[in-house]
Amino acid sequence: MADEQNSSTGSATAPQDAKSVLIVDDSPVMRNMLAKFFTDNGFHVAGMAADGVEAIEMFEKYNPDIMTLDIIMPKMRGTEVLEKILVNYPEAKVVMASSVSDARTVMKCLKIGAKQYILKPYDEEKVMLAIRKALDMG
């Protein structure tokens, strides 16, 4: 399994009322980068998954406030994970992540139910803006 988050980012403990996040990306570098962004901005990283199967297992285990979800991953594509999560958790807040800026893929993800879409390489300010917008939605 990918890393279950605790102190591996080396940052201080998140506040009691911190929003929890599940980070899903097959790249350890990208997972760790996002974890640093989140912890630096007062979020609690509930867990990190490296593929779609782990993503579903960890979402069910942690029920995070929000999840970042890479589109292209082993075992199960992010779009399929998104569909499966939203069947059981229709209120789930998911932000899709990809290095591909394909309008058709973006529209598909938003139509399925993603709240936002972020592009790699990640920019901390843009990521946090997308996350905050997604959390403010319904």
N, C-alpha and C. Protein backbone atom coordinates (compact mmCIF):
# COMPACT_ATOMS: atom_id res chain seq x y z
N MET A 1 0.84 -1.17 0.00
CA MET A 1 0.00 0.00 0.00
C MET A 1 0.89 1.24 0.00
N ALA A 2 0.38 2.32 -0.53
CA ALA A 2 1.13 3.58 -0.50
C ALA A 2 1.17 4.06 0.94
N ASP A 3 1.79 5.18 1.13
CA ASP A 3 2.01 5.68 2.47
C ASP A 3 0.72 6.13 3.15
N GLU A 4 0.50 5.61 4.34
CA GLU A 4 -0.55 6.15 5.17
C GLU A 4 0.11 7.29 5.91
N GLN A 5 -0.49 8.44 5.82
CA GLN A 5 0.15 9.67 6.28
C GLN A 5 0.13 9.79 7.80
N ASN A 6 1.23 10.22 8.33
CA ASN A 6 1.28 10.69 9.71
C ASN A 6 2.35 11.76 9.77
N SER A 7 3.55 11.41 10.13
CA SER A 7 4.57 12.45 10.22
C SER A 7 5.56 12.40 9.06
N SER A 8 5.25 11.67 8.01
CA SER A 8 6.24 11.50 6.95
C SER A 8 6.53 12.77 6.15
N THR A 9 5.69 13.80 6.24
CA THR A 9 6.00 15.05 5.54
C THR A 9 6.91 15.93 6.38
N GLY A 10 7.09 15.56 7.64
CA GLY A 10 8.00 16.31 8.49
C GLY A 10 7.44 17.63 8.97
N SER A 11 6.13 17.83 8.86
CA SER A 11 5.57 19.10 9.30
C SER A 11 4.80 18.92 10.59
N ALA A 12 4.40 20.04 11.15
CA ALA A 12 3.69 20.04 12.42
C ALA A 12 2.32 19.38 12.27
N THR A 13 1.77 18.96 13.39
CA THR A 13 0.45 18.36 13.41
C THR A 13 -0.59 19.39 12.99
N ALA A 14 -1.56 18.95 12.20
CA ALA A 14 -2.63 19.83 11.74
C ALA A 14 -3.55 20.18 12.91
N PRO A 15 -4.19 21.35 12.86
CA PRO A 15 -5.13 21.74 13.91
C PRO A 15 -6.28 20.75 14.02
N GLN A 16 -6.93 20.71 15.18
CA GLN A 16 -8.04 19.79 15.43
C GLN A 16 -9.13 19.91 14.38
N ASP A 17 -9.44 21.13 13.95
CA ASP A 17 -10.53 21.37 13.00
C ASP A 17 -10.06 21.35 11.55
N ALA A 18 -8.85 20.86 11.31
CA ALA A 18 -8.30 20.85 9.95
C ALA A 18 -9.12 19.95 9.03
N LYS A 19 -9.27 20.36 7.80
CA LYS A 19 -9.94 19.55 6.79
C LYS A 19 -8.99 18.40 6.41
N SER A 20 -9.58 17.22 6.20
CA SER A 20 -8.76 16.06 5.85
C SER A 20 -8.74 15.87 4.33
N VAL A 21 -7.61 15.39 3.85
CA VAL A 21 -7.44 15.18 2.41
C VAL A 21 -6.82 13.82 2.15
N LEU A 22 -7.28 13.19 1.08
CA LEU A 22 -6.69 11.96 0.59
C LEU A 22 -6.03 12.30 -0.74
N ILE A 23 -4.74 11.99 -0.86
CA ILE A 23 -3.97 12.29 -2.06
C ILE A 23 -3.79 11.00 -2.85
N VAL A 24 -4.20 11.03 -4.13
CA VAL A 24 -4.09 9.84 -4.97
C VAL A 24 -3.30 10.18 -6.22
N ASP A 25 -2.12 9.58 -6.34
CA ASP A 25 -1.26 9.80 -7.50
C ASP A 25 -0.26 8.65 -7.54
N ASP A 26 0.03 8.15 -8.73
CA ASP A 26 0.98 7.03 -8.82
C ASP A 26 2.43 7.48 -8.65
N SER A 27 2.68 8.77 -8.69
CA SER A 27 4.03 9.29 -8.50
C SER A 27 4.28 9.69 -7.05
N PRO A 28 5.26 9.05 -6.39
CA PRO A 28 5.57 9.43 -5.01
C PRO A 28 6.00 10.89 -4.91
N VAL A 29 6.69 11.39 -5.92
CA VAL A 29 7.12 12.80 -5.91
C VAL A 29 5.91 13.72 -5.87
N MET A 30 4.91 13.44 -6.70
CA MET A 30 3.70 14.27 -6.75
C MET A 30 2.90 14.15 -5.45
N ARG A 31 2.80 12.92 -4.91
CA ARG A 31 2.09 12.75 -3.64
C ARG A 31 2.74 13.56 -2.53
N ASN A 32 4.08 13.49 -2.46
CA ASN A 32 4.79 14.22 -1.41
C ASN A 32 4.71 15.72 -1.59
N MET A 33 4.73 16.18 -2.84
CA MET A 33 4.60 17.61 -3.11
C MET A 33 3.23 18.11 -2.64
N LEU A 34 2.18 17.38 -3.00
CA LEU A 34 0.84 17.78 -2.57
C LEU A 34 0.71 17.71 -1.04
N ALA A 35 1.28 16.69 -0.44
CA ALA A 35 1.23 16.56 1.03
C ALA A 35 1.86 17.78 1.68
N LYS A 36 2.98 18.25 1.15
CA LYS A 36 3.63 19.44 1.71
C LYS A 36 2.74 20.67 1.53
N PHE A 37 2.16 20.83 0.35
CA PHE A 37 1.24 21.96 0.13
C PHE A 37 0.12 21.94 1.17
N PHE A 38 -0.48 20.76 1.35
CA PHE A 38 -1.62 20.66 2.26
C PHE A 38 -1.23 20.91 3.71
N THR A 39 -0.17 20.28 4.17
CA THR A 39 0.22 20.48 5.57
C THR A 39 0.66 21.92 5.82
N ASP A 40 1.34 22.52 4.85
CA ASP A 40 1.75 23.92 4.98
C ASP A 40 0.55 24.86 5.04
N ASN A 41 -0.60 24.42 4.56
CA ASN A 41 -1.80 25.24 4.53
C ASN A 41 -2.85 24.79 5.55
N GLY A 42 -2.41 24.01 6.55
CA GLY A 42 -3.28 23.66 7.67
C GLY A 42 -4.23 22.50 7.46
N PHE A 43 -4.01 21.70 6.42
CA PHE A 43 -4.85 20.52 6.19
C PHE A 43 -4.23 19.31 6.86
N HIS A 44 -5.06 18.31 7.13
CA HIS A 44 -4.60 17.02 7.65
C HIS A 44 -4.59 16.03 6.50
N VAL A 45 -3.43 15.47 6.19
CA VAL A 45 -3.34 14.46 5.14
C VAL A 45 -3.71 13.12 5.77
N ALA A 46 -4.92 12.65 5.44
CA ALA A 46 -5.43 11.40 6.02
C ALA A 46 -4.71 10.19 5.45
N GLY A 47 -4.33 10.28 4.18
CA GLY A 47 -3.64 9.16 3.56
C GLY A 47 -3.22 9.50 2.15
N MET A 48 -2.38 8.61 1.59
CA MET A 48 -1.91 8.78 0.22
C MET A 48 -1.96 7.41 -0.46
N ALA A 49 -2.56 7.39 -1.65
CA ALA A 49 -2.71 6.14 -2.40
C ALA A 49 -1.98 6.25 -3.73
N ALA A 50 -1.46 5.12 -4.21
CA ALA A 50 -0.67 5.10 -5.44
C ALA A 50 -1.43 4.57 -6.65
N ASP A 51 -2.64 4.05 -6.44
CA ASP A 51 -3.41 3.56 -7.58
C ASP A 51 -4.90 3.64 -7.25
N GLY A 52 -5.72 3.35 -8.24
CA GLY A 52 -7.16 3.49 -8.09
C GLY A 52 -7.78 2.56 -7.07
N VAL A 53 -7.27 1.35 -6.99
CA VAL A 53 -7.81 0.39 -6.03
C VAL A 53 -7.55 0.87 -4.60
N GLU A 54 -6.31 1.29 -4.34
CA GLU A 54 -5.98 1.85 -3.01
C GLU A 54 -6.82 3.09 -2.73
N ALA A 55 -7.05 3.89 -3.75
CA ALA A 55 -7.82 5.13 -3.57
C ALA A 55 -9.21 4.83 -3.00
N ILE A 56 -9.88 3.85 -3.58
CA ILE A 56 -11.22 3.50 -3.11
C ILE A 56 -11.17 2.95 -1.69
N GLU A 57 -10.21 2.05 -1.43
CA GLU A 57 -10.07 1.48 -0.08
C GLU A 57 -9.82 2.58 0.95
N MET A 58 -8.91 3.49 0.63
CA MET A 58 -8.56 4.54 1.60
C MET A 58 -9.68 5.57 1.74
N PHE A 59 -10.41 5.85 0.66
CA PHE A 59 -11.53 6.77 0.78
C PHE A 59 -12.57 6.20 1.74
N GLU A 60 -12.87 4.91 1.58
CA GLU A 60 -13.85 4.26 2.47
C GLU A 60 -13.35 4.20 3.90
N LYS A 61 -12.06 4.05 4.10
CA LYS A 61 -11.49 3.97 5.44
C LYS A 61 -11.48 5.34 6.13
N TYR A 62 -11.09 6.40 5.40
CA TYR A 62 -10.89 7.71 6.02
C TYR A 62 -12.02 8.71 5.79
N ASN A 63 -12.84 8.49 4.75
CA ASN A 63 -13.90 9.42 4.40
C ASN A 63 -13.42 10.87 4.51
N PRO A 64 -12.43 11.26 3.71
CA PRO A 64 -11.83 12.59 3.82
C PRO A 64 -12.78 13.70 3.38
N ASP A 65 -12.48 14.91 3.82
CA ASP A 65 -13.26 16.07 3.39
C ASP A 65 -13.09 16.32 1.89
N ILE A 66 -11.91 16.01 1.38
CA ILE A 66 -11.62 16.22 -0.03
C ILE A 66 -10.56 15.23 -0.49
N MET A 67 -10.56 14.95 -1.80
CA MET A 67 -9.58 14.02 -2.36
C MET A 67 -9.03 14.61 -3.65
N THR A 68 -7.70 14.52 -3.81
CA THR A 68 -7.10 14.83 -5.11
C THR A 68 -6.91 13.50 -5.80
N LEU A 69 -7.23 13.44 -7.09
CA LEU A 69 -7.26 12.17 -7.80
C LEU A 69 -6.62 12.31 -9.18
N ASP A 70 -5.48 11.66 -9.34
CA ASP A 70 -4.80 11.64 -10.64
C ASP A 70 -5.66 10.85 -11.62
N ILE A 71 -5.60 11.23 -12.88
CA ILE A 71 -6.42 10.54 -13.88
C ILE A 71 -5.75 9.29 -14.40
N ILE A 72 -4.48 9.38 -14.75
CA ILE A 72 -3.80 8.23 -15.35
C ILE A 72 -2.98 7.52 -14.29
N MET A 73 -3.48 6.33 -13.89
CA MET A 73 -2.83 5.54 -12.84
C MET A 73 -2.95 4.06 -13.17
N PRO A 74 -2.11 3.24 -12.52
CA PRO A 74 -2.24 1.79 -12.70
C PRO A 74 -3.49 1.24 -12.00
N LYS A 75 -3.90 0.09 -12.44
CA LYS A 75 -5.00 -0.70 -11.88
C LYS A 75 -6.39 -0.14 -12.18
N MET A 76 -6.57 1.18 -12.11
CA MET A 76 -7.87 1.77 -12.37
C MET A 76 -7.69 3.26 -12.66
N ARG A 77 -8.23 3.73 -13.77
CA ARG A 77 -8.12 5.14 -14.13
C ARG A 77 -8.87 6.02 -13.12
N GLY A 78 -8.41 7.24 -13.00
CA GLY A 78 -9.05 8.17 -12.07
C GLY A 78 -10.52 8.42 -12.37
N THR A 79 -10.89 8.44 -13.65
CA THR A 79 -12.29 8.66 -14.00
C THR A 79 -13.17 7.52 -13.48
N GLU A 80 -12.65 6.30 -13.53
CA GLU A 80 -13.38 5.15 -13.02
C GLU A 80 -13.48 5.20 -11.49
N VAL A 81 -12.40 5.61 -10.84
CA VAL A 81 -12.41 5.77 -9.38
C VAL A 81 -13.45 6.82 -8.99
N LEU A 82 -13.44 7.93 -9.71
CA LEU A 82 -14.40 9.01 -9.44
C LEU A 82 -15.83 8.50 -9.52
N GLU A 83 -16.14 7.76 -10.57
CA GLU A 83 -17.50 7.22 -10.72
C GLU A 83 -17.86 6.30 -9.56
N LYS A 84 -16.94 5.40 -9.19
CA LYS A 84 -17.21 4.44 -8.12
C LYS A 84 -17.39 5.15 -6.76
N ILE A 85 -16.56 6.14 -6.49
CA ILE A 85 -16.67 6.88 -5.22
C ILE A 85 -18.02 7.60 -5.15
N LEU A 86 -18.39 8.26 -6.24
CA LEU A 86 -19.62 9.07 -6.22
C LEU A 86 -20.89 8.23 -6.15
N VAL A 87 -20.84 6.96 -6.56
CA VAL A 87 -22.00 6.09 -6.42
C VAL A 87 -22.34 5.91 -4.94
N ASN A 88 -21.32 5.65 -4.13
CA ASN A 88 -21.52 5.41 -2.70
C ASN A 88 -21.45 6.66 -1.84
N TYR A 89 -20.76 7.69 -2.34
CA TYR A 89 -20.57 8.92 -1.57
C TYR A 89 -20.88 10.11 -2.49
N PRO A 90 -22.14 10.34 -2.80
CA PRO A 90 -22.49 11.39 -3.77
C PRO A 90 -22.06 12.80 -3.35
N GLU A 91 -21.82 13.01 -2.07
CA GLU A 91 -21.39 14.33 -1.58
C GLU A 91 -19.86 14.48 -1.58
N ALA A 92 -19.15 13.45 -2.03
CA ALA A 92 -17.68 13.48 -2.02
C ALA A 92 -17.17 14.66 -2.83
N LYS A 93 -16.13 15.28 -2.32
CA LYS A 93 -15.50 16.41 -3.00
C LYS A 93 -14.17 15.92 -3.57
N VAL A 94 -14.12 15.85 -4.89
CA VAL A 94 -12.96 15.31 -5.57
C VAL A 94 -12.42 16.34 -6.55
N VAL A 95 -11.10 16.54 -6.47
CA VAL A 95 -10.40 17.42 -7.40
C VAL A 95 -9.51 16.54 -8.26
N MET A 96 -9.76 16.54 -9.55
CA MET A 96 -8.99 15.72 -10.48
C MET A 96 -7.66 16.39 -10.77
N ALA A 97 -6.65 15.57 -11.03
CA ALA A 97 -5.30 16.08 -11.32
C ALA A 97 -4.75 15.35 -12.54
N SER A 98 -4.10 16.11 -13.41
CA SER A 98 -3.53 15.49 -14.60
C SER A 98 -2.47 16.38 -15.22
N SER A 99 -1.59 15.75 -15.97
CA SER A 99 -0.61 16.52 -16.74
C SER A 99 -1.18 16.81 -18.13
N VAL A 100 -2.37 16.30 -18.39
CA VAL A 100 -3.00 16.47 -19.70
C VAL A 100 -4.07 17.55 -19.62
N SER A 101 -3.92 18.57 -20.43
CA SER A 101 -4.90 19.65 -20.49
C SER A 101 -5.82 19.42 -21.68
N ASP A 102 -6.54 18.31 -21.64
CA ASP A 102 -7.44 17.93 -22.72
C ASP A 102 -8.86 18.34 -22.32
N ALA A 103 -9.43 19.26 -23.07
CA ALA A 103 -10.75 19.80 -22.73
C ALA A 103 -11.81 18.69 -22.59
N ARG A 104 -11.73 17.68 -23.44
CA ARG A 104 -12.72 16.59 -23.39
C ARG A 104 -12.62 15.83 -22.06
N THR A 105 -11.39 15.57 -21.62
CA THR A 105 -11.18 14.85 -20.35
C THR A 105 -11.65 15.71 -19.18
N VAL A 106 -11.32 16.98 -19.21
CA VAL A 106 -11.75 17.90 -18.15
C VAL A 106 -13.27 17.91 -18.06
N MET A 107 -13.93 18.07 -19.20
CA MET A 107 -15.40 18.11 -19.21
C MET A 107 -16.00 16.79 -18.73
N LYS A 108 -15.39 15.67 -19.12
CA LYS A 108 -15.89 14.37 -18.67
C LYS A 108 -15.83 14.27 -17.14
N CYS A 109 -14.70 14.68 -16.58
CA CYS A 109 -14.53 14.61 -15.12
C CYS A 109 -15.54 15.50 -14.40
N LEU A 110 -15.74 16.70 -14.91
CA LEU A 110 -16.69 17.62 -14.29
C LEU A 110 -18.12 17.10 -14.43
N LYS A 111 -18.42 16.49 -15.57
CA LYS A 111 -19.75 15.93 -15.79
C LYS A 111 -20.01 14.76 -14.85
N ILE A 112 -19.00 13.93 -14.61
CA ILE A 112 -19.14 12.80 -13.69
C ILE A 112 -19.40 13.31 -12.27
N GLY A 113 -18.76 14.44 -11.91
CA GLY A 113 -18.99 14.98 -10.57
C GLY A 113 -17.78 15.55 -9.87
N ALA A 114 -16.64 15.62 -10.56
CA ALA A 114 -15.48 16.27 -9.95
C ALA A 114 -15.81 17.73 -9.70
N LYS A 115 -15.27 18.28 -8.62
CA LYS A 115 -15.54 19.68 -8.27
C LYS A 115 -14.59 20.65 -8.96
N GLN A 116 -13.34 20.21 -9.17
CA GLN A 116 -12.32 21.05 -9.79
C GLN A 116 -11.34 20.16 -10.53
N TYR A 117 -10.44 20.80 -11.27
CA TYR A 117 -9.45 20.09 -12.07
C TYR A 117 -8.15 20.87 -11.98
N ILE A 118 -7.06 20.22 -11.56
CA ILE A 118 -5.77 20.90 -11.47
C ILE A 118 -4.77 20.23 -12.40
N LEU A 119 -3.85 21.04 -12.91
CA LEU A 119 -2.86 20.55 -13.87
C LEU A 119 -1.48 20.44 -13.25
N LYS A 120 -0.75 19.42 -13.69
CA LYS A 120 0.66 19.26 -13.33
C LYS A 120 1.46 20.02 -14.38
N PRO A 121 2.62 20.53 -14.05
CA PRO A 121 3.24 20.52 -12.71
C PRO A 121 2.44 21.42 -11.77
N TYR A 122 2.38 20.99 -10.53
CA TYR A 122 1.58 21.69 -9.54
C TYR A 122 2.18 23.03 -9.13
N ASP A 123 1.29 23.99 -8.99
CA ASP A 123 1.63 25.29 -8.45
C ASP A 123 0.82 25.41 -7.15
N GLU A 124 1.50 25.63 -6.03
CA GLU A 124 0.84 25.61 -4.72
C GLU A 124 -0.36 26.54 -4.66
N GLU A 125 -0.21 27.75 -5.16
CA GLU A 125 -1.29 28.73 -5.09
C GLU A 125 -2.52 28.25 -5.88
N LYS A 126 -2.29 27.71 -7.08
CA LYS A 126 -3.41 27.23 -7.91
C LYS A 126 -4.06 26.00 -7.30
N VAL A 127 -3.25 25.11 -6.74
CA VAL A 127 -3.80 23.91 -6.10
C VAL A 127 -4.69 24.31 -4.93
N MET A 128 -4.18 25.18 -4.07
CA MET A 128 -4.95 25.55 -2.89
C MET A 128 -6.22 26.34 -3.25
N LEU A 129 -6.16 27.13 -4.30
CA LEU A 129 -7.35 27.85 -4.76
C LEU A 129 -8.41 26.85 -5.22
N ALA A 130 -8.01 25.86 -6.00
CA ALA A 130 -8.94 24.84 -6.48
C ALA A 130 -9.54 24.04 -5.31
N ILE A 131 -8.71 23.71 -4.34
CA ILE A 131 -9.18 22.95 -3.18
C ILE A 131 -10.19 23.76 -2.38
N ARG A 132 -9.88 25.02 -2.14
CA ARG A 132 -10.80 25.87 -1.37
C ARG A 132 -12.12 26.07 -2.11
N LYS A 133 -12.06 26.23 -3.44
CA LYS A 133 -13.29 26.36 -4.22
C LYS A 133 -14.11 25.08 -4.12
N ALA A 134 -13.45 23.93 -4.23
CA ALA A 134 -14.15 22.66 -4.16
C ALA A 134 -14.82 22.46 -2.79
N LEU A 135 -14.13 22.85 -1.73
CA LEU A 135 -14.69 22.71 -0.39
C LEU A 135 -15.88 23.64 -0.16
N ASP A 136 -15.89 24.76 -0.84
CA ASP A 136 -16.99 25.72 -0.70
C ASP A 136 -18.23 25.32 -1.48
N MET A 137 -18.10 24.35 -2.38
CA MET A 137 -19.23 23.91 -3.19
C MET A 137 -20.09 22.96 -2.38
N GLY A 138 -21.33 23.33 -2.17
CA GLY A 138 -22.35 22.48 -1.55
C GLY A 138 -21.84 21.62 -0.48
